[in-house]
Amino acid sequence: MIKQLIYGDIGGTKTILQLAEIRDGEIHQQFTYRYDSAAFVTFSDMLRDFLTRTETVNHPVAACFAIAGPIVAQQTKVTNLPWQISSTNISDEFSIPVVKLINDFEAAALAIESLSPNDLITLQTGQVNAQGMRVVLGAGTGMGVAWLTWLEGRYFALPTEAGHMDFAPVNELQIHLFKALHDKFGHVSVERLLSGSGLTNIFNFLQMNAAIASDLAPVNLEEDSGATITALAQTRKHPIAIKSLNLFSEIYGAYAGNLALAGLCRGGVYIAGGIAPRIINILSSGGFMRAFRDKGRFSALMNEIPVHVITNTEISLLGAKQEAHNLFNSQD
């Protein structure tokens, strides 16, 4: 009997589902479909449609789905959708013996070992420590973070909500930025700076306070205008947008360095998320790594930690695939 896996990357805007076969211990992708998530009332409706399209006659032996947001007791509510998803309910409804839900950054962490050199841009080669602790972080709609720790012959991913840690300003400009955001929000988490809306917060602050703004027409932005600011910097050379990206990069680097120290991540730091690949010229210009390494007495250590930007846009799907394979192997 042919044994099949289902895995997917579930988001509030789009969902990608894949069906694969296990042959000779390897995963062979068979069918992929991309969905507009909002077109379905429930995830079960979408999964039923997918299985119909695949025309599979056998029930999959395992399934794993990466979802943006926290997973509690194998249940979650998808951000920006009315979907309530439970692994137990999916298993029962579709007769899939093993179903697992994982956080999208947990999935990204699991995918690291599946990446090719073409999926990475290296900011610092460092000194790779085999089986060393790793961390994956990424700014997008929010700030996601997951750890990777070596255990029992392979890496295991540990999801976190580290994007909601306190923002730690490191110079006078960042202190003023912190005060402005504190007046607006109260608690200032890292995500208030390192996300699409965070880049917007930085731009608005600089536009209000920088002397350079006096001879420029003000730019009115939506709450999450990271893509607009990036375009202003890259195509129109807007000075405040350029300064915003540079400040964003410095804050990003300092935070990545903090996580690297917290986990002693000699196995590497991996920058994921939607923003980093779009501003790779900024991240590569020096400010990110200077802030990453600027840790006082531990600056020499920071030079030894590998740092990479992940350019593969389907990394969470790859991680769900890897975990579905792990689920299959654990049944033997």
C-alpha atoms as a PDB file:
ATOM      1  CA  MET A   1       0.000   0.000   0.000  1.00  0.00           C
ATOM      2  CA  ILE A   2       1.247   3.476  -0.892  1.00  0.00           C
ATOM      3  CA  LYS A   3       1.688   5.596   2.236  1.00  0.00           C
ATOM      4  CA  GLN A   4       0.892   9.286   1.944  1.00  0.00           C
ATOM      5  CA  LEU A   5       1.426  12.434   4.011  1.00  0.00           C
ATOM      6  CA  ILE A   6      -0.429  15.747   4.029  1.00  0.00           C
ATOM      7  CA  TYR A   7       1.162  18.952   5.234  1.00  0.00           C
ATOM      8  CA  GLY A   8       0.537  22.641   4.811  1.00  0.00           C
ATOM      9  CA  ASP A   9       1.197  26.267   5.692  1.00  0.00           C
ATOM     10  CA  ILE A  10      -2.008  27.893   6.942  1.00  0.00           C
ATOM     11  CA  GLY A  11      -2.307  31.677   6.985  1.00  0.00           C
ATOM     12  CA  GLY A  12      -5.039  34.252   7.275  1.00  0.00           C
ATOM     13  CA  THR A  13      -4.595  35.267   3.632  1.00  0.00           C
ATOM     14  CA  LYS A  14      -3.423  32.124   1.834  1.00  0.00           C
ATOM     15  CA  THR A  15      -2.955  28.452   2.557  1.00  0.00           C
ATOM     16  CA  ILE A  16      -0.679  25.990   0.747  1.00  0.00           C
ATOM     17  CA  LEU A  17      -1.416  22.279   1.065  1.00  0.00           C
ATOM     18  CA  GLN A  18       0.672  19.417  -0.275  1.00  0.00           C
ATOM     19  CA  LEU A  19       0.244  15.657  -0.618  1.00  0.00           C
ATOM     20  CA  ALA A  20       3.339  13.444  -0.736  1.00  0.00           C
ATOM     21  CA  GLU A  21       4.163   9.747  -0.927  1.00  0.00           C
ATOM     22  CA  ILE A  22       6.752   7.883   1.113  1.00  0.00           C
ATOM     23  CA  ARG A  23       8.945   5.707  -1.104  1.00  0.00           C
ATOM     24  CA  ASP A  24      12.164   4.098   0.085  1.00  0.00           C
ATOM     25  CA  GLY A  25      12.074   6.267   3.188  1.00  0.00           C
ATOM     26  CA  GLU A  26      12.015   9.498   1.190  1.00  0.00           C
ATOM     27  CA  ILE A  27       9.223  12.060   0.646  1.00  0.00           C
ATOM     28  CA  HIS A  28       8.101  12.503  -2.942  1.00  0.00           C
ATOM     29  CA  GLN A  29       5.775  15.444  -3.504  1.00  0.00           C
ATOM     30  CA  GLN A  30       2.675  14.530  -5.511  1.00  0.00           C
ATOM     31  CA  PHE A  31       0.206  17.400  -5.449  1.00  0.00           C
ATOM     32  CA  THR A  32       0.171  21.064  -4.369  1.00  0.00           C
ATOM     33  CA  TYR A  33      -2.683  23.550  -4.204  1.00  0.00           C
ATOM     34  CA  ARG A  34      -2.787  27.177  -3.093  1.00  0.00           C
ATOM     35  CA  TYR A  35      -5.980  28.505  -1.572  1.00  0.00           C
ATOM     36  CA  ASP A  36      -7.500  31.843  -0.711  1.00  0.00           C
ATOM     37  CA  SER A  37      -8.090  31.110   2.966  1.00  0.00           C
ATOM     38  CA  ALA A  38     -11.074  33.438   3.319  1.00  0.00           C
ATOM     39  CA  ALA A  39     -12.951  31.508   0.613  1.00  0.00           C
ATOM     40  CA  PHE A  40     -13.696  28.707   3.096  1.00  0.00           C
ATOM     41  CA  VAL A  41     -15.877  28.803   6.206  1.00  0.00           C
ATOM     42  CA  THR A  42     -13.756  26.185   7.984  1.00  0.00           C
ATOM     43  CA  PHE A  43     -10.390  24.527   7.491  1.00  0.00           C
ATOM     44  CA  SER A  44     -12.184  21.172   7.241  1.00  0.00           C
ATOM     45  CA  ASP A  45     -14.022  22.450   4.166  1.00  0.00           C
ATOM     46  CA  MET A  46     -10.701  23.345   2.560  1.00  0.00           C
ATOM     47  CA  LEU A  47      -9.037  20.050   3.475  1.00  0.00           C
ATOM     48  CA  ARG A  48     -12.002  18.115   2.090  1.00  0.00           C
ATOM     49  CA  ASP A  49     -11.723  20.062  -1.167  1.00  0.00           C
ATOM     50  CA  PHE A  50      -8.001  19.331  -1.313  1.00  0.00           C
ATOM     51  CA  LEU A  51      -8.444  15.591  -0.801  1.00  0.00           C
ATOM     52  CA  THR A  52     -11.080  15.559  -3.528  1.00  0.00           C
ATOM     53  CA  ARG A  53      -8.687  17.280  -5.933  1.00  0.00           C
ATOM     54  CA  THR A  54      -5.896  14.795  -5.194  1.00  0.00           C
ATOM     55  CA  GLU A  55      -8.189  11.874  -6.049  1.00  0.00           C
ATOM     56  CA  THR A  56      -6.364   9.814  -3.445  1.00  0.00           C
ATOM     57  CA  VAL A  57      -7.981   6.481  -2.542  1.00  0.00           C
ATOM     58  CA  ASN A  58      -6.013   5.914   0.670  1.00  0.00           C
ATOM     59  CA  HIS A  59      -6.221   7.849   3.912  1.00  0.00           C
ATOM     60  CA  PRO A  60      -2.949   9.704   4.654  1.00  0.00           C
ATOM     61  CA  VAL A  61      -0.968   8.127   7.474  1.00  0.00           C
ATOM     62  CA  ALA A  62       0.147  11.461   8.998  1.00  0.00           C
ATOM     63  CA  ALA A  63      -0.458  15.199   8.658  1.00  0.00           C
ATOM     64  CA  CYS A  64       1.193  18.350   9.942  1.00  0.00           C
ATOM     65  CA  PHE A  65       0.015  21.938   9.539  1.00  0.00           C
ATOM     66  CA  ALA A  66       2.038  25.083  10.280  1.00  0.00           C
ATOM     67  CA  ILE A  67      -0.123  27.922  11.568  1.00  0.00           C
ATOM     68  CA  ALA A  68       0.664  31.554  12.411  1.00  0.00           C
ATOM     69  CA  GLY A  69      -0.143  31.895  16.103  1.00  0.00           C
ATOM     70  CA  PRO A  70       0.161  29.978  19.360  1.00  0.00           C
ATOM     71  CA  ILE A  71      -0.862  26.313  19.537  1.00  0.00           C
ATOM     72  CA  VAL A  72      -2.391  25.333  22.892  1.00  0.00           C
ATOM     73  CA  ALA A  73      -3.201  21.669  23.600  1.00  0.00           C
ATOM     74  CA  GLN A  74      -3.119  21.027  19.836  1.00  0.00           C
ATOM     75  CA  GLN A  75      -5.830  23.606  19.197  1.00  0.00           C
ATOM     76  CA  THR A  76      -5.677  27.096  17.729  1.00  0.00           C
ATOM     77  CA  LYS A  77      -7.662  29.929  16.199  1.00  0.00           C
ATOM     78  CA  VAL A  78      -6.197  31.220  12.953  1.00  0.00           C
ATOM     79  CA  THR A  79      -5.357  34.933  12.979  1.00  0.00           C
ATOM     80  CA  ASN A  80      -7.783  37.011  10.850  1.00  0.00           C
ATOM     81  CA  LEU A  81     -10.082  34.023  10.239  1.00  0.00           C
ATOM     82  CA  PRO A  82     -12.971  32.471  12.216  1.00  0.00           C
ATOM     83  CA  TRP A  83     -11.318  29.042  11.937  1.00  0.00           C
ATOM     84  CA  GLN A  84     -10.945  26.945  15.072  1.00  0.00           C
ATOM     85  CA  ILE A  85      -8.605  24.048  14.308  1.00  0.00           C
ATOM     86  CA  SER A  86      -8.058  20.958  16.451  1.00  0.00           C
ATOM     87  CA  SER A  87      -5.684  18.145  15.549  1.00  0.00           C
ATOM     88  CA  THR A  88      -8.009  15.609  17.209  1.00  0.00           C
ATOM     89  CA  ASN A  89     -11.003  16.775  15.194  1.00  0.00           C
ATOM     90  CA  ILE A  90      -9.041  16.600  11.920  1.00  0.00           C
ATOM     91  CA  SER A  91      -7.804  13.108  12.784  1.00  0.00           C
ATOM     92  CA  ASP A  92     -11.322  11.886  13.544  1.00  0.00           C
ATOM     93  CA  GLU A  93     -13.036  13.581  10.598  1.00  0.00           C
ATOM     94  CA  PHE A  94     -10.555  12.492   7.923  1.00  0.00           C
ATOM     95  CA  SER A  95      -9.354   9.195   9.447  1.00  0.00           C
ATOM     96  CA  ILE A  96      -5.726  10.340   9.609  1.00  0.00           C
ATOM     97  CA  PRO A  97      -3.995   8.394  12.408  1.00  0.00           C
ATOM     98  CA  VAL A  98      -1.572  11.150  13.448  1.00  0.00           C
ATOM     99  CA  VAL A  99      -2.191  14.896  13.043  1.00  0.00           C
ATOM    100  CA  LYS A 100      -0.047  17.671  14.512  1.00  0.00           C
ATOM    101  CA  LEU A 101      -0.404  21.457  14.557  1.00  0.00           C
ATOM    102  CA  ILE A 102       2.765  23.528  14.896  1.00  0.00           C
ATOM    103  CA  ASN A 103       3.539  27.239  15.073  1.00  0.00           C
ATOM    104  CA  ASP A 104       4.799  28.707  11.793  1.00  0.00           C
ATOM    105  CA  PHE A 105       8.178  29.627  13.306  1.00  0.00           C
ATOM    106  CA  GLU A 106       8.497  26.221  14.885  1.00  0.00           C
ATOM    107  CA  ALA A 107       8.034  24.965  11.322  1.00  0.00           C
ATOM    108  CA  ALA A 108      10.625  27.422  10.003  1.00  0.00           C
ATOM    109  CA  ALA A 109      13.099  26.151  12.585  1.00  0.00           C
ATOM    110  CA  LEU A 110      12.466  22.529  11.617  1.00  0.00           C
ATOM    111  CA  ALA A 111      13.159  23.385   7.969  1.00  0.00           C
ATOM    112  CA  ILE A 112      16.686  24.689   8.545  1.00  0.00           C
ATOM    113  CA  GLU A 113      18.341  21.347   7.849  1.00  0.00           C
ATOM    114  CA  SER A 114      16.383  21.029   4.579  1.00  0.00           C
ATOM    115  CA  LEU A 115      17.656  24.310   3.151  1.00  0.00           C
ATOM    116  CA  SER A 116      20.225  24.425   0.374  1.00  0.00           C
ATOM    117  CA  PRO A 117      23.011  27.028   0.153  1.00  0.00           C
ATOM    118  CA  ASN A 118      20.880  28.821  -2.457  1.00  0.00           C
ATOM    119  CA  ASP A 119      18.224  29.412   0.224  1.00  0.00           C
ATOM    120  CA  LEU A 120      20.603  31.426   2.418  1.00  0.00           C
ATOM    121  CA  ILE A 121      22.509  34.700   2.293  1.00  0.00           C
ATOM    122  CA  THR A 122      25.310  34.691   4.854  1.00  0.00           C
ATOM    123  CA  LEU A 123      25.950  37.877   6.827  1.00  0.00           C
ATOM    124  CA  GLN A 124      28.634  36.304   9.025  1.00  0.00           C
ATOM    125  CA  THR A 125      30.336  32.958   8.416  1.00  0.00           C
ATOM    126  CA  GLY A 126      31.452  32.530  12.018  1.00  0.00           C
ATOM    127  CA  GLN A 127      32.589  29.169  13.319  1.00  0.00           C
ATOM    128  CA  VAL A 128      29.898  26.524  12.959  1.00  0.00           C
ATOM    129  CA  ASN A 129      29.471  24.307  16.009  1.00  0.00           C
ATOM    130  CA  ALA A 130      27.908  20.987  14.991  1.00  0.00           C
ATOM    131  CA  GLN A 131      24.807  20.240  17.065  1.00  0.00           C
ATOM    132  CA  GLY A 132      25.039  23.697  18.645  1.00  0.00           C
ATOM    133  CA  MET A 133      21.946  25.622  19.691  1.00  0.00           C
ATOM    134  CA  ARG A 134      20.240  27.574  16.884  1.00  0.00           C
ATOM    135  CA  VAL A 135      17.670  30.339  16.795  1.00  0.00           C
ATOM    136  CA  VAL A 136      15.304  31.380  14.000  1.00  0.00           C
ATOM    137  CA  LEU A 137      13.688  34.818  14.121  1.00  0.00           C
ATOM    138  CA  GLY A 138      11.829  36.903  11.628  1.00  0.00           C
ATOM    139  CA  ALA A 139       9.990  40.182  11.246  1.00  0.00           C
ATOM    140  CA  GLY A 140       6.828  40.127   9.162  1.00  0.00           C
ATOM    141  CA  THR A 141       3.294  40.827  10.325  1.00  0.00           C
ATOM    142  CA  GLY A 142       4.773  40.268  13.793  1.00  0.00           C
ATOM    143  CA  MET A 143       8.070  39.018  15.201  1.00  0.00           C
ATOM    144  CA  GLY A 144       8.424  35.239  15.348  1.00  0.00           C
ATOM    145  CA  VAL A 145      11.112  33.343  17.244  1.00  0.00           C
ATOM    146  CA  ALA A 146      11.886  29.647  17.730  1.00  0.00           C
ATOM    147  CA  TRP A 147      14.844  27.793  19.201  1.00  0.00           C
ATOM    148  CA  LEU A 148      16.434  24.614  17.853  1.00  0.00           C
ATOM    149  CA  THR A 149      18.071  22.252  20.303  1.00  0.00           C
ATOM    150  CA  TRP A 150      19.869  18.977  19.545  1.00  0.00           C
ATOM    151  CA  LEU A 151      18.351  15.956  21.270  1.00  0.00           C
ATOM    152  CA  GLU A 152      18.365  12.214  20.581  1.00  0.00           C
ATOM    153  CA  GLY A 153      20.159  12.527  17.276  1.00  0.00           C
ATOM    154  CA  ARG A 154      18.201  15.395  15.703  1.00  0.00           C
ATOM    155  CA  TYR A 155      17.111  18.984  16.219  1.00  0.00           C
ATOM    156  CA  PHE A 156      13.848  19.719  18.026  1.00  0.00           C
ATOM    157  CA  ALA A 157      12.119  23.081  17.626  1.00  0.00           C
ATOM    158  CA  LEU A 158      10.847  25.073  20.596  1.00  0.00           C
ATOM    159  CA  PRO A 159       8.231  27.755  19.759  1.00  0.00           C
ATOM    160  CA  THR A 160       8.262  31.003  21.742  1.00  0.00           C
ATOM    161  CA  GLU A 161       6.564  34.383  22.054  1.00  0.00           C
ATOM    162  CA  ALA A 162       9.922  36.153  22.346  1.00  0.00           C
ATOM    163  CA  GLY A 163       8.733  38.905  20.011  1.00  0.00           C
ATOM    164  CA  HIS A 164       6.879  40.333  22.987  1.00  0.00           C
ATOM    165  CA  MET A 165      10.019  40.805  25.073  1.00  0.00           C
ATOM    166  CA  ASP A 166      10.844  44.390  26.095  1.00  0.00           C
ATOM    167  CA  PHE A 167      12.545  46.587  23.512  1.00  0.00           C
ATOM    168  CA  ALA A 168      15.995  47.624  24.812  1.00  0.00           C
ATOM    169  CA  PRO A 169      17.182  50.954  23.286  1.00  0.00           C
ATOM    170  CA  VAL A 170      20.963  51.260  22.998  1.00  0.00           C
ATOM    171  CA  ASN A 171      21.546  54.914  22.074  1.00  0.00           C
ATOM    172  CA  GLU A 172      19.995  58.365  22.419  1.00  0.00           C
ATOM    173  CA  LEU A 173      17.909  58.167  19.245  1.00  0.00           C
ATOM    174  CA  GLN A 174      16.486  54.787  20.256  1.00  0.00           C
ATOM    175  CA  ILE A 175      15.754  56.106  23.751  1.00  0.00           C
ATOM    176  CA  HIS A 176      13.680  58.934  22.246  1.00  0.00           C
ATOM    177  CA  LEU A 177      11.941  56.401  20.011  1.00  0.00           C
ATOM    178  CA  PHE A 178      11.202  54.228  23.042  1.00  0.00           C
ATOM    179  CA  LYS A 179       9.710  57.174  24.926  1.00  0.00           C
ATOM    180  CA  ALA A 180       7.468  58.098  21.997  1.00  0.00           C
ATOM    181  CA  LEU A 181       6.161  54.543  21.712  1.00  0.00           C
ATOM    182  CA  HIS A 182       5.823  54.203  25.474  1.00  0.00           C
ATOM    183  CA  ASP A 183       3.601  57.293  25.515  1.00  0.00           C
ATOM    184  CA  LYS A 184       1.463  55.725  22.787  1.00  0.00           C
ATOM    185  CA  PHE A 185       1.343  52.044  23.804  1.00  0.00           C
ATOM    186  CA  GLY A 186       2.560  51.752  27.391  1.00  0.00           C
ATOM    187  CA  HIS A 187       4.544  48.517  27.145  1.00  0.00           C
ATOM    188  CA  VAL A 188       6.988  48.603  24.205  1.00  0.00           C
ATOM    189  CA  SER A 189       7.766  45.123  22.959  1.00  0.00           C
ATOM    190  CA  VAL A 190      10.324  44.222  20.314  1.00  0.00           C
ATOM    191  CA  GLU A 191       7.432  43.597  17.917  1.00  0.00           C
ATOM    192  CA  ARG A 192       6.458  47.286  18.162  1.00  0.00           C
ATOM    193  CA  LEU A 193       9.690  47.963  16.230  1.00  0.00           C
ATOM    194  CA  LEU A 194      10.467  44.761  14.341  1.00  0.00           C
ATOM    195  CA  SER A 195       7.420  44.099  12.148  1.00  0.00           C
ATOM    196  CA  GLY A 196       5.622  45.792   9.275  1.00  0.00           C
ATOM    197  CA  SER A 197       3.744  48.002  11.726  1.00  0.00           C
ATOM    198  CA  GLY A 198       6.993  48.461  13.655  1.00  0.00           C
ATOM    199  CA  LEU A 199       8.746  49.891  10.606  1.00  0.00           C
ATOM    200  CA  THR A 200       5.750  52.199  10.235  1.00  0.00           C
ATOM    201  CA  ASN A 201       6.166  53.299  13.876  1.00  0.00           C
ATOM    202  CA  ILE A 202       9.836  54.079  13.202  1.00  0.00           C
ATOM    203  CA  PHE A 203       9.027  56.078  10.055  1.00  0.00           C
ATOM    204  CA  ASN A 204       6.293  58.100  11.776  1.00  0.00           C
ATOM    205  CA  PHE A 205       8.632  58.891  14.676  1.00  0.00           C
ATOM    206  CA  LEU A 206      11.438  60.072  12.391  1.00  0.00           C
ATOM    207  CA  GLN A 207       9.034  62.056  10.225  1.00  0.00           C
ATOM    208  CA  MET A 208       7.743  63.933  13.266  1.00  0.00           C
ATOM    209  CA  ASN A 209      11.110  64.541  14.881  1.00  0.00           C
ATOM    210  CA  ALA A 210      13.861  64.673  12.254  1.00  0.00           C
ATOM    211  CA  ALA A 211      14.944  68.080  11.023  1.00  0.00           C
ATOM    212  CA  ILE A 212      15.191  66.618   7.532  1.00  0.00           C
ATOM    213  CA  ALA A 213      11.415  66.317   7.470  1.00  0.00           C
ATOM    214  CA  SER A 214      10.926  70.082   7.387  1.00  0.00           C
ATOM    215  CA  ASP A 215      11.367  70.365   3.620  1.00  0.00           C
ATOM    216  CA  LEU A 216       9.522  67.177   2.678  1.00  0.00           C
ATOM    217  CA  ALA A 217       5.827  66.669   2.123  1.00  0.00           C
ATOM    218  CA  PRO A 218       4.479  64.493   4.945  1.00  0.00           C
ATOM    219  CA  VAL A 219       3.695  60.879   4.057  1.00  0.00           C
ATOM    220  CA  ASN A 220       0.486  59.485   5.527  1.00  0.00           C
ATOM    221  CA  LEU A 221       0.702  55.750   6.147  1.00  0.00           C
ATOM    222  CA  GLU A 222      -1.610  52.923   7.138  1.00  0.00           C
ATOM    223  CA  GLU A 223      -0.841  51.049  10.365  1.00  0.00           C
ATOM    224  CA  ASP A 224       1.230  48.361   8.599  1.00  0.00           C
ATOM    225  CA  SER A 225       3.028  50.102   5.731  1.00  0.00           C
ATOM    226  CA  GLY A 226       6.356  48.300   5.802  1.00  0.00           C
ATOM    227  CA  ALA A 227       6.206  47.502   2.083  1.00  0.00           C
ATOM    228  CA  THR A 228       5.403  51.133   1.232  1.00  0.00           C
ATOM    229  CA  ILE A 229       8.325  52.427   3.299  1.00  0.00           C
ATOM    230  CA  THR A 230      10.675  49.911   1.695  1.00  0.00           C
ATOM    231  CA  ALA A 231       9.537  51.032  -1.763  1.00  0.00           C
ATOM    232  CA  LEU A 232       9.979  54.700  -0.809  1.00  0.00           C
ATOM    233  CA  ALA A 233      13.560  53.967   0.228  1.00  0.00           C
ATOM    234  CA  GLN A 234      14.537  51.721  -2.654  1.00  0.00           C
ATOM    235  CA  THR A 235      12.792  53.349  -5.617  1.00  0.00           C
ATOM    236  CA  ARG A 236      12.372  56.984  -4.593  1.00  0.00           C
ATOM    237  CA  LYS A 237      15.384  57.335  -2.274  1.00  0.00           C
ATOM    238  CA  HIS A 238      13.156  59.019   0.297  1.00  0.00           C
ATOM    239  CA  PRO A 239      15.567  60.138   3.059  1.00  0.00           C
ATOM    240  CA  ILE A 240      13.286  59.362   6.003  1.00  0.00           C
ATOM    241  CA  ALA A 241      12.436  55.957   4.567  1.00  0.00           C
ATOM    242  CA  ILE A 242      16.158  55.189   4.152  1.00  0.00           C
ATOM    243  CA  LYS A 243      16.874  56.329   7.690  1.00  0.00           C
ATOM    244  CA  SER A 244      13.937  54.234   8.931  1.00  0.00           C
ATOM    245  CA  LEU A 245      15.299  51.087   7.307  1.00  0.00           C
ATOM    246  CA  ASN A 246      18.772  51.717   8.704  1.00  0.00           C
ATOM    247  CA  LEU A 247      17.388  52.201  12.221  1.00  0.00           C
ATOM    248  CA  PHE A 248      15.160  49.133  11.789  1.00  0.00           C
ATOM    249  CA  SER A 249      18.235  47.122  10.737  1.00  0.00           C
ATOM    250  CA  GLU A 250      20.262  48.259  13.761  1.00  0.00           C
ATOM    251  CA  ILE A 251      17.457  47.359  16.189  1.00  0.00           C
ATOM    252  CA  TYR A 252      17.026  44.031  14.390  1.00  0.00           C
ATOM    253  CA  GLY A 253      20.729  43.232  14.677  1.00  0.00           C
ATOM    254  CA  ALA A 254      20.886  44.094  18.373  1.00  0.00           C
ATOM    255  CA  TYR A 255      17.849  41.912  19.106  1.00  0.00           C
ATOM    256  CA  ALA A 256      19.235  39.001  17.072  1.00  0.00           C
ATOM    257  CA  GLY A 257      22.454  39.330  19.065  1.00  0.00           C
ATOM    258  CA  ASN A 258      20.513  39.245  22.342  1.00  0.00           C
ATOM    259  CA  LEU A 259      18.803  36.013  21.295  1.00  0.00           C
ATOM    260  CA  ALA A 260      22.133  34.542  20.198  1.00  0.00           C
ATOM    261  CA  LEU A 261      23.567  35.282  23.640  1.00  0.00           C
ATOM    262  CA  ALA A 262      20.487  34.004  25.481  1.00  0.00           C
ATOM    263  CA  GLY A 263      20.720  30.644  23.742  1.00  0.00           C
ATOM    264  CA  LEU A 264      24.495  30.642  23.182  1.00  0.00           C
ATOM    265  CA  CYS A 265      23.595  29.862  19.573  1.00  0.00           C
ATOM    266  CA  ARG A 266      26.870  28.524  18.230  1.00  0.00           C
ATOM    267  CA  GLY A 267      24.862  26.527  15.710  1.00  0.00           C
ATOM    268  CA  GLY A 268      23.775  29.722  13.990  1.00  0.00           C
ATOM    269  CA  VAL A 269      21.271  32.554  13.830  1.00  0.00           C
ATOM    270  CA  TYR A 270      18.748  32.380  10.976  1.00  0.00           C
ATOM    271  CA  ILE A 271      16.765  35.437   9.907  1.00  0.00           C
ATOM    272  CA  ALA A 272      13.428  34.501   8.350  1.00  0.00           C
ATOM    273  CA  GLY A 273      10.197  36.454   7.863  1.00  0.00           C
ATOM    274  CA  GLY A 274       8.885  38.433   4.939  1.00  0.00           C
ATOM    275  CA  ILE A 275      10.830  41.660   5.448  1.00  0.00           C
ATOM    276  CA  ALA A 276      14.476  40.514   5.555  1.00  0.00           C
ATOM    277  CA  PRO A 277      14.803  39.247   1.947  1.00  0.00           C
ATOM    278  CA  ARG A 278      13.314  42.521   0.649  1.00  0.00           C
ATOM    279  CA  ILE A 279      15.889  44.670   2.463  1.00  0.00           C
ATOM    280  CA  ILE A 280      18.926  42.419   2.121  1.00  0.00           C
ATOM    281  CA  ASN A 281      20.969  45.375   0.820  1.00  0.00           C
ATOM    282  CA  ILE A 282      20.298  47.209   4.099  1.00  0.00           C
ATOM    283  CA  LEU A 283      20.990  44.162   6.277  1.00  0.00           C
ATOM    284  CA  SER A 284      24.248  43.554   4.378  1.00  0.00           C
ATOM    285  CA  SER A 285      25.465  47.150   4.611  1.00  0.00           C
ATOM    286  CA  GLY A 286      27.026  46.752   8.052  1.00  0.00           C
ATOM    287  CA  GLY A 287      24.647  48.257  10.597  1.00  0.00           C
ATOM    288  CA  PHE A 288      22.882  44.991  11.359  1.00  0.00           C
ATOM    289  CA  MET A 289      26.077  43.077  12.120  1.00  0.00           C
ATOM    290  CA  ARG A 290      27.691  45.949  14.033  1.00  0.00           C
ATOM    291  CA  ALA A 291      24.671  46.007  16.345  1.00  0.00           C
ATOM    292  CA  PHE A 292      24.676  42.196  16.524  1.00  0.00           C
ATOM    293  CA  ARG A 293      28.313  42.102  17.673  1.00  0.00           C
ATOM    294  CA  ASP A 294      28.172  45.147  19.968  1.00  0.00           C
ATOM    295  CA  LYS A 295      27.913  43.199  23.233  1.00  0.00           C
ATOM    296  CA  GLY A 296      30.769  44.681  25.247  1.00  0.00           C
ATOM    297  CA  ARG A 297      32.959  41.989  26.798  1.00  0.00           C
ATOM    298  CA  PHE A 298      31.240  39.338  24.661  1.00  0.00           C
ATOM    299  CA  SER A 299      31.807  41.032  21.306  1.00  0.00           C
ATOM    300  CA  ALA A 300      34.575  38.536  20.425  1.00  0.00           C
ATOM    301  CA  LEU A 301      32.183  35.662  21.006  1.00  0.00           C
ATOM    302  CA  MET A 302      29.588  37.300  18.739  1.00  0.00           C
ATOM    303  CA  ASN A 303      32.121  37.211  15.884  1.00  0.00           C
ATOM    304  CA  GLU A 304      32.085  33.400  16.107  1.00  0.00           C
ATOM    305  CA  ILE A 305      28.322  32.928  15.631  1.00  0.00           C
ATOM    306  CA  PRO A 306      27.127  32.241  12.059  1.00  0.00           C
ATOM    307  CA  VAL A 307      24.347  34.549  10.837  1.00  0.00           C
ATOM    308  CA  HIS A 308      22.209  33.838   7.766  1.00  0.00           C
ATOM    309  CA  VAL A 309      19.180  35.365   6.046  1.00  0.00           C
ATOM    310  CA  ILE A 310      16.690  32.799   4.727  1.00  0.00           C
ATOM    311  CA  THR A 311      15.437  33.675   1.247  1.00  0.00           C
ATOM    312  CA  ASN A 312      13.190  30.634   0.707  1.00  0.00           C
ATOM    313  CA  THR A 313       9.612  31.940   0.978  1.00  0.00           C
ATOM    314  CA  GLU A 314       8.142  28.484   1.665  1.00  0.00           C
ATOM    315  CA  ILE A 315      10.210  27.651   4.725  1.00  0.00           C
ATOM    316  CA  SER A 316       7.184  27.029   6.985  1.00  0.00           C
ATOM    317  CA  LEU A 317       5.799  24.580   4.426  1.00  0.00           C
ATOM    318  CA  LEU A 318       9.167  22.808   4.366  1.00  0.00           C
ATOM    319  CA  GLY A 319       9.075  22.565   8.145  1.00  0.00           C
ATOM    320  CA  ALA A 320       5.566  21.106   8.135  1.00  0.00           C
ATOM    321  CA  LYS A 321       6.792  18.563   5.572  1.00  0.00           C
ATOM    322  CA  GLN A 322       9.745  17.649   7.797  1.00  0.00           C
ATOM    323  CA  GLU A 323       7.534  17.211  10.867  1.00  0.00           C
ATOM    324  CA  ALA A 324       5.002  15.105   8.927  1.00  0.00           C
ATOM    325  CA  HIS A 325       7.897  12.827   7.982  1.00  0.00           C
ATOM    326  CA  ASN A 326       9.006  12.698  11.618  1.00  0.00           C
ATOM    327  CA  LEU A 327       5.448  11.723  12.610  1.00  0.00           C
ATOM    328  CA  PHE A 328       5.496   8.944  10.033  1.00  0.00           C
ATOM    329  CA  ASN A 329       8.855   7.637  11.239  1.00  0.00           C
ATOM    330  CA  SER A 330       7.709   7.663  14.888  1.00  0.00           C
ATOM    331  CA  GLN A 331       4.937   5.180  14.013  1.00  0.00           C
ATOM    332  CA  ASP A 332       7.394   2.472  13.019  1.00  0.00           C
END
